[in-house]
């Protein structure tokens, strides 16, 4: 369980918000569609990581990426190899950005789906979220392919804000 959570906080219903960051190199960015990167490790048996939001700080000014396919979107997902992408908690379309040399900050908010104009709650099966860490990954085409191009000076910093919830 994350440091700093006390029994009194849990009993009072207080959710401490933590943050975790990872900065990816050009090589890691290119491989992200194939090789997810862990941002928050699993917090122990009987815990659920509630992802509050995420910030993606991209710098591709030194060189744009190529082999940017449709669809192209970044994900924060639960680390479940059996369900890559299906356990996404946040996603953002980056197709136009990936093929340009630019610097930008994207904030990913809750992934509440809209069905015929009516918001739907995000739900997951317990096996998908209990005692699972959070990873960053990309969908780039179908089937998924790695990016090419880029430049050694490019980077992607991902910061995730999260709470740890005990699940019975």
Protein backbone atom coordinates (compact mmCIF):
# COMPACT_ATOMS: atom_id res chain seq x y z
CA UNK A 1 0.00 0.00 0.00
CA UNK A 2 1.22 3.53 -0.73
CA UNK A 3 3.05 5.29 2.06
CA UNK A 4 1.09 7.84 4.02
CA UNK A 5 -2.32 6.15 4.13
CA UNK A 6 -3.49 5.61 7.68
CA UNK A 7 -6.36 3.57 9.06
CA UNK A 8 -7.98 6.82 10.26
CA UNK A 9 -7.88 8.30 6.76
CA UNK A 10 -9.46 5.18 5.31
CA UNK A 11 -12.13 5.12 8.01
CA UNK A 12 -12.90 8.80 7.37
CA UNK A 13 -13.12 8.22 3.62
CA UNK A 14 -10.20 10.55 2.89
CA UNK A 15 -8.36 9.72 -0.31
CA UNK A 16 -4.77 10.86 -0.41
CA UNK A 17 -3.71 11.82 -3.93
CA UNK A 18 -0.23 10.68 -4.92
CA UNK A 19 1.77 11.37 -8.04
CA UNK A 20 4.27 9.30 -10.00
CA UNK A 21 6.28 10.35 -13.03
CA UNK A 22 8.39 8.70 -15.68
CA UNK A 23 10.39 10.35 -18.46
CA UNK A 24 10.75 8.32 -21.63
CA UNK A 25 13.60 8.53 -24.11
CA UNK A 26 13.20 8.59 -27.88
CA UNK A 27 13.79 4.82 -28.05
CA UNK A 28 11.14 4.17 -25.37
CA UNK A 29 8.63 6.43 -27.16
CA UNK A 30 9.11 4.53 -30.42
CA UNK A 31 8.57 1.20 -28.63
CA UNK A 32 5.62 2.37 -26.48
CA UNK A 33 2.97 0.75 -28.72
CA UNK A 34 4.73 -2.61 -28.28
CA UNK A 35 6.27 -2.24 -24.81
CA UNK A 36 4.11 -0.53 -22.14
CA UNK A 37 5.98 1.38 -19.42
CA UNK A 38 4.96 0.99 -15.76
CA UNK A 39 4.22 4.27 -14.02
CA UNK A 40 2.60 3.10 -10.77
CA UNK A 41 3.36 -0.41 -9.47
CA UNK A 42 0.64 -2.58 -7.94
CA UNK A 43 0.01 -1.46 -4.36
CA UNK A 44 -0.66 -4.85 -2.78
CA UNK A 45 -3.40 -7.43 -2.44
CA UNK A 46 -6.87 -6.01 -2.04
CA UNK A 47 -6.05 -2.57 -3.44
CA UNK A 48 -7.38 -0.60 -6.39
CA UNK A 49 -5.49 2.32 -7.90
CA UNK A 50 -7.94 5.11 -8.75
CA UNK A 51 -6.30 7.17 -11.47
CA UNK A 52 -7.40 10.79 -11.00
CA UNK A 53 -5.70 12.34 -14.04
CA UNK A 54 -2.52 12.26 -16.08
CA UNK A 55 -0.30 14.81 -17.79
CA UNK A 56 1.74 13.97 -20.90
CA UNK A 57 4.55 16.47 -21.57
CA UNK A 58 5.81 15.87 -25.11
CA UNK A 59 8.85 17.37 -26.74
CA UNK A 60 9.29 16.28 -30.36
CA UNK A 61 10.87 19.55 -31.52
CA UNK A 62 14.09 17.79 -32.54
CA UNK A 63 12.32 15.41 -34.93
CA UNK A 64 8.85 14.20 -35.76
CA UNK A 65 7.83 10.56 -35.59
CA UNK A 66 6.89 8.55 -38.64
CA UNK A 67 4.86 5.39 -39.12
CA UNK A 68 1.99 7.16 -37.33
CA UNK A 69 -1.03 5.02 -38.20
CA UNK A 70 -4.79 5.12 -37.70
CA UNK A 71 -5.89 4.86 -34.95
CA UNK A 72 -3.18 6.53 -32.87
CA UNK A 73 -3.84 7.23 -29.21
CA UNK A 74 -2.03 7.09 -25.89
CA UNK A 75 -3.40 5.20 -22.91
CA UNK A 76 -3.01 5.00 -19.17
CA UNK A 77 -4.18 1.45 -18.44
CA UNK A 78 -4.14 -1.19 -15.74
CA UNK A 79 -1.20 -3.55 -16.16
CA UNK A 80 -3.11 -6.57 -17.43
CA UNK A 81 -1.27 -8.31 -20.26
CA UNK A 82 -4.39 -10.34 -21.06
CA UNK A 83 -6.36 -7.16 -21.80
CA UNK A 84 -4.02 -4.55 -23.33
CA UNK A 85 -6.01 -1.39 -24.03
CA UNK A 86 -9.24 -2.91 -22.72
CA UNK A 87 -8.37 -1.78 -19.21
CA UNK A 88 -7.75 1.85 -20.20
CA UNK A 89 -8.64 4.54 -17.69
CA UNK A 90 -7.54 7.52 -19.81
CA UNK A 91 -6.84 7.95 -23.48
CA UNK A 92 -5.99 10.78 -25.84
CA UNK A 93 -5.68 10.97 -29.63
CA UNK A 94 -2.17 12.03 -30.63
CA UNK A 95 -2.27 11.28 -34.35
CA UNK A 96 -1.70 14.84 -35.59
CA UNK A 97 0.83 15.64 -32.90
CA UNK A 98 2.99 12.52 -33.36
CA UNK A 99 3.69 13.44 -36.98
CA UNK A 100 4.87 16.96 -36.15
CA UNK A 101 7.89 18.55 -34.48
CA UNK A 102 6.36 20.34 -31.51
CA UNK A 103 6.27 20.82 -27.74
CA UNK A 104 2.97 20.40 -25.91
CA UNK A 105 1.37 19.40 -22.64
CA UNK A 106 -1.77 17.25 -22.68
CA UNK A 107 -3.95 16.61 -19.64
CA UNK A 108 -5.91 13.40 -19.76
CA UNK A 109 -9.12 13.44 -17.76
CA UNK A 110 -11.62 10.75 -16.80
CA UNK A 111 -12.53 8.41 -19.63
CA UNK A 112 -16.30 8.48 -19.22
CA UNK A 113 -17.82 7.20 -22.42
CA UNK A 114 -20.81 8.84 -24.03
CA UNK A 115 -23.51 6.60 -25.51
CA UNK A 116 -26.15 8.42 -27.60
CA UNK A 117 -25.41 11.63 -25.72
CA UNK A 118 -25.81 10.07 -22.25
CA UNK A 119 -22.69 9.73 -20.07
CA UNK A 120 -21.83 6.19 -19.03
CA UNK A 121 -19.78 5.30 -15.98
CA UNK A 122 -16.38 3.69 -16.38
CA UNK A 123 -16.50 0.13 -15.08
CA UNK A 124 -13.95 -2.64 -14.83
CA UNK A 125 -14.13 -6.24 -13.72
CA UNK A 126 -12.30 -6.84 -10.40
CA UNK A 127 -9.73 -9.14 -12.02
CA UNK A 128 -8.76 -6.28 -14.34
CA UNK A 129 -8.07 -3.69 -11.63
CA UNK A 130 -7.45 -5.32 -8.22
CA UNK A 131 -3.73 -5.41 -7.35
CA UNK A 132 -2.75 -4.04 -10.78
CA UNK A 133 -0.30 -1.26 -11.49
CA UNK A 134 -0.77 1.50 -14.06
CA UNK A 135 1.12 1.57 -17.36
CA UNK A 136 1.44 3.98 -20.27
CA UNK A 137 1.08 2.52 -23.74
CA UNK A 138 -0.01 3.47 -27.24
CA UNK A 139 -2.33 2.07 -29.87
CA UNK A 140 -0.75 2.79 -33.24
CA UNK A 141 -2.67 1.08 -36.02
CA UNK A 142 -4.37 -2.27 -36.10
CA UNK A 143 -2.33 -4.40 -35.69
CA UNK A 144 -0.26 -2.18 -33.44
CA UNK A 145 3.15 -1.10 -34.77
CA UNK A 146 6.08 0.82 -33.29
CA UNK A 147 6.80 4.42 -34.27
CA UNK A 148 9.84 5.30 -36.37
CA UNK A 149 11.68 8.57 -36.96
CA UNK A 150 11.97 10.88 -33.96
CA UNK A 151 15.25 12.17 -32.56
CA UNK A 152 17.49 11.34 -29.61
CA UNK A 153 16.63 14.72 -28.00
CA UNK A 154 12.87 13.98 -27.92
CA UNK A 155 11.25 13.05 -24.62
CA UNK A 156 7.88 12.27 -23.10
CA UNK A 157 7.28 12.89 -19.39
CA UNK A 158 4.13 11.26 -18.01
CA UNK A 159 2.81 12.19 -14.57
CA UNK A 160 -0.09 10.28 -13.06
CA UNK A 161 -2.15 11.45 -10.07
CA UNK A 162 -3.80 8.59 -8.20
CA UNK A 163 -5.34 7.32 -4.97
CA UNK A 164 -5.11 3.85 -3.45
CA UNK A 165 -8.44 2.36 -2.45
CA UNK A 166 -8.76 -0.81 -0.32
CA UNK A 167 -11.16 -3.33 -1.86
CA UNK A 168 -12.75 -6.08 0.17
